[in-house]
Protein backbone atom coordinates (compact mmCIF):
# COMPACT_ATOMS: atom_id res chain seq x y z
CA UNK A 1 -5.25 -17.35 -15.10
CA UNK A 2 -5.17 -20.58 -14.79
CA UNK A 3 -1.96 -22.86 -14.07
CA UNK A 4 -1.04 -25.77 -13.27
CA UNK A 5 1.63 -25.16 -11.10
CA UNK A 6 0.40 -23.45 -8.05
CA UNK A 7 3.97 -21.42 -7.09
CA UNK A 8 4.54 -20.61 -11.34
CA UNK A 9 0.77 -19.02 -10.47
CA UNK A 10 2.27 -17.31 -7.07
CA UNK A 11 5.41 -15.60 -8.60
CA UNK A 12 3.07 -14.89 -11.34
CA UNK A 13 0.80 -13.43 -8.19
CA UNK A 14 3.25 -11.58 -6.84
CA UNK A 15 5.05 -10.08 -10.42
CA UNK A 16 1.29 -8.03 -11.25
CA UNK A 17 0.88 -7.00 -7.56
CA UNK A 18 4.73 -5.57 -8.22
CA UNK A 19 4.02 -4.00 -10.83
CA UNK A 20 1.12 -2.57 -10.11
CA UNK A 21 3.09 -1.17 -6.36
CA UNK A 22 5.86 0.51 -8.60
CA UNK A 23 2.96 1.76 -11.11
CA UNK A 24 1.18 3.40 -8.49
CA UNK A 25 4.11 4.59 -6.86
CA UNK A 26 5.29 6.73 -10.08
CA UNK A 27 1.80 8.21 -10.11
CA UNK A 28 1.82 9.48 -6.79
CA UNK A 29 5.02 11.22 -7.28
CA UNK A 30 3.85 12.38 -10.58
CA UNK A 31 1.10 13.93 -8.42
CA UNK A 32 2.38 15.32 -6.10
CA UNK A 33 5.64 16.74 -6.82
CA UNK A 34 5.24 18.31 -10.22
CA UNK A 35 8.64 17.36 -11.26
CA UNK A 36 9.10 13.97 -11.45
CA UNK A 37 11.16 13.21 -14.09
CA UNK A 38 13.80 12.06 -11.49
CA UNK A 39 11.22 10.18 -9.58
CA UNK A 40 10.28 8.17 -13.37
CA UNK A 41 13.99 7.47 -14.54
CA UNK A 42 14.17 5.51 -10.47
CA UNK A 43 11.32 3.85 -10.54
CA UNK A 44 11.27 2.69 -14.45
CA UNK A 45 14.95 1.51 -13.90
CA UNK A 46 13.66 -0.27 -10.75
CA UNK A 47 10.57 -2.14 -13.14
CA UNK A 48 13.21 -3.32 -15.27
CA UNK A 49 15.84 -4.87 -13.21
CA UNK A 50 12.88 -6.70 -11.10
CA UNK A 51 11.65 -7.88 -14.23
CA UNK A 52 14.76 -8.66 -16.01
CA UNK A 53 15.60 -10.17 -12.60
CA UNK A 54 12.74 -11.92 -12.01
CA UNK A 55 13.26 -13.38 -15.83
CA UNK A 56 17.23 -13.74 -15.19
CA UNK A 57 16.06 -15.79 -11.20
CA UNK A 58 12.88 -16.99 -10.89
CA UNK A 59 13.49 -18.77 -8.25
CA UNK A 60 14.22 -15.52 -6.00
CA UNK A 61 11.15 -13.03 -7.65
CA UNK A 62 10.17 -11.93 -3.51
CA UNK A 63 14.02 -11.26 -2.62
CA UNK A 64 14.50 -9.04 -6.31
CA UNK A 65 11.43 -6.98 -5.61
CA UNK A 66 11.99 -6.40 -2.11
CA UNK A 67 15.49 -5.54 -2.69
CA UNK A 68 14.23 -3.29 -5.25
CA UNK A 69 11.80 -1.96 -3.79
CA UNK A 70 13.91 -1.08 -0.81
CA UNK A 71 16.62 0.19 -2.96
CA UNK A 72 13.91 2.25 -5.23
CA UNK A 73 12.58 4.13 -1.73
CA UNK A 74 15.83 5.09 -0.11
CA UNK A 75 16.71 6.37 -3.71
CA UNK A 76 13.41 8.19 -4.02
CA UNK A 77 13.48 9.54 -0.07
CA UNK A 78 17.15 10.37 -0.75
CA UNK A 79 16.58 12.20 -3.17
CA UNK A 80 13.71 14.58 -2.04
CA UNK A 81 15.79 15.40 0.82
CA UNK A 82 18.01 16.74 -1.36
CA UNK A 83 15.70 18.59 -3.50
CA UNK A 84 14.15 19.85 -0.26
CA UNK A 85 18.07 21.23 0.82
CA UNK A 86 18.60 22.77 -2.53
CA UNK A 87 15.20 24.49 -2.81
CA UNK A 88 14.89 24.95 1.14
CA UNK A 89 10.95 24.47 0.84
CA UNK A 90 9.21 26.37 4.04
CA UNK A 91 6.36 23.51 3.49
CA UNK A 92 7.43 20.37 4.91
CA UNK A 93 4.86 19.35 6.65
CA UNK A 94 2.80 18.63 3.58
CA UNK A 95 5.85 17.05 2.12
CA UNK A 96 5.46 14.91 5.39
CA UNK A 97 2.53 14.19 4.38
CA UNK A 98 3.13 13.32 0.95
CA UNK A 99 5.47 11.13 1.57
CA UNK A 100 3.39 9.36 4.87
CA UNK A 101 0.89 9.04 2.61
CA UNK A 102 3.23 7.14 -0.44
CA UNK A 103 4.70 5.30 2.19
CA UNK A 104 1.80 3.66 3.25
CA UNK A 105 0.65 2.51 -0.47
CA UNK A 106 3.76 0.57 -0.82
CA UNK A 107 3.32 -1.26 2.83
CA UNK A 108 -0.45 -1.81 2.13
CA UNK A 109 0.47 -3.28 -1.28
CA UNK A 110 2.66 -5.91 0.33
CA UNK A 111 0.38 -6.27 2.94
CA UNK A 112 -2.44 -6.40 0.24
CA UNK A 113 0.30 -9.26 -1.68
CA UNK A 114 0.77 -11.62 1.78
CA UNK A 115 -3.13 -11.93 2.37
CA UNK A 116 -4.69 -12.52 -1.57
CA UNK A 117 -1.86 -14.88 -1.80
CA UNK A 118 -2.62 -16.56 1.43
CA UNK A 119 -5.24 -18.86 0.38
CA UNK A 120 -6.65 -18.89 3.86
CA UNK A 121 -10.97 -18.82 3.24
CA UNK A 122 -11.10 -15.36 4.66
CA UNK A 123 -8.46 -13.63 2.17
CA UNK A 124 -11.12 -11.90 0.37
CA UNK A 125 -12.79 -9.67 3.28
CA UNK A 126 -9.84 -9.36 4.52
CA UNK A 127 -8.63 -7.77 1.74
CA UNK A 128 -11.39 -5.97 0.75
CA UNK A 129 -11.23 -4.29 4.82
CA UNK A 130 -7.89 -3.33 4.84
CA UNK A 131 -8.82 -1.64 1.64
CA UNK A 132 -11.23 0.74 3.67
CA UNK A 133 -8.24 0.37 6.47
CA UNK A 134 -5.95 2.48 4.03
CA UNK A 135 -8.01 5.07 2.96
CA UNK A 136 -9.03 5.91 6.49
CA UNK A 137 -5.41 6.28 6.89
CA UNK A 138 -5.17 8.44 3.84
CA UNK A 139 -8.21 10.27 4.19
CA UNK A 140 -6.78 10.76 8.79
CA UNK A 141 -3.34 12.07 7.29
CA UNK A 142 -5.18 14.47 5.92
CA UNK A 143 -8.56 15.34 8.04
CA UNK A 144 -7.20 14.80 11.22
CA UNK A 145 -6.36 11.64 13.59
CA UNK A 146 -9.61 10.76 14.17
CA UNK A 147 -9.65 9.04 10.41
CA UNK A 148 -6.21 7.92 11.30
CA UNK A 149 -6.54 5.43 14.41
CA UNK A 150 -10.35 4.44 12.68
CA UNK A 151 -8.35 3.42 9.69
CA UNK A 152 -5.64 1.79 11.28
CA UNK A 153 -7.80 -0.26 13.70
CA UNK A 154 -10.26 -1.31 10.90
CA UNK A 155 -7.21 -2.54 9.79
CA UNK A 156 -5.66 -4.73 12.76
CA UNK A 157 -9.39 -5.80 13.41
CA UNK A 158 -9.68 -7.36 9.72
CA UNK A 159 -5.70 -9.23 10.27
CA UNK A 160 -7.70 -10.82 12.83
CA UNK A 161 -9.41 -13.08 10.94
CA UNK A 162 -7.07 -14.88 9.81
CA UNK A 163 -7.95 -16.48 12.95
CA UNK A 164 -11.36 -16.38 12.55
CA UNK A 165 -13.50 -19.51 10.73
CA UNK A 166 -15.29 -18.22 7.61
CA UNK A 167 -18.37 -18.31 8.13
CA UNK A 168 -17.81 -16.80 11.56
CA UNK A 169 -15.92 -14.07 10.07
CA UNK A 170 -19.00 -13.24 7.91
CA UNK A 171 -20.60 -11.86 10.80
CA UNK A 172 -17.81 -10.05 12.47
CA UNK A 173 -16.97 -8.86 9.08
CA UNK A 174 -20.43 -7.33 8.39
CA UNK A 175 -21.04 -5.71 11.27
CA UNK A 176 -16.92 -4.87 11.30
CA UNK A 177 -17.01 -3.60 8.31
CA UNK A 178 -21.00 -1.42 8.80
CA UNK A 179 -20.09 -0.03 11.37
CA UNK A 180 -16.30 0.98 10.35
CA UNK A 181 -18.73 2.58 7.42
CA UNK A 182 -20.68 4.52 10.16
CA UNK A 183 -18.13 5.98 12.15
CA UNK A 184 -16.50 7.34 9.32
CA UNK A 185 -19.77 8.88 7.99
CA UNK A 186 -20.38 10.53 11.86
CA UNK A 187 -16.67 11.69 11.24
CA UNK A 188 -16.45 12.86 8.26
CA UNK A 189 -20.11 15.54 9.66
CA UNK A 190 -18.65 16.31 11.92
CA UNK A 191 -16.18 18.16 9.74
CA UNK A 192 -13.83 17.65 12.48
CA UNK A 193 -10.17 18.44 11.40
CA UNK A 194 -8.68 16.77 14.42
């Protein structure tokens, strides 16, 4: 998409990323809880409110989507807790991992929007590294803390790319990203979930 107004272009990008985040959240809810109807309704209302609010007050796009995301998550968490209390589900540990996965997805969606809209010369490389870090964090929730620590470390290390010159970042990202992939491969080869 090309636009002569960089502010409008950033708003459009924010809208697209917010829409993708909402879509991912709704899909994750459907996959994780089976009885997805109330969650889809919550996020459908959030989606409608976000886009209508942005249409009515475009200069408040960031505030609108931030408020809707917080309200959507608060409502979702409240509904999960109420449903769990009613059904007295004993699988609380699995539910925690599902919830953490969904929250990580939302947090990283916001982080990726920040990175991609920053205009920084290293933005695409930083984005790619944090996608890998995200994948390891999610895997770590299910496979064990070693992968989660690797994912968090990769994310923080790639975010340091904001302080590096573009040419130095290429070498740094190559060694860091490649090293992270090798480390993950070795961790998975051990088949040690702890």
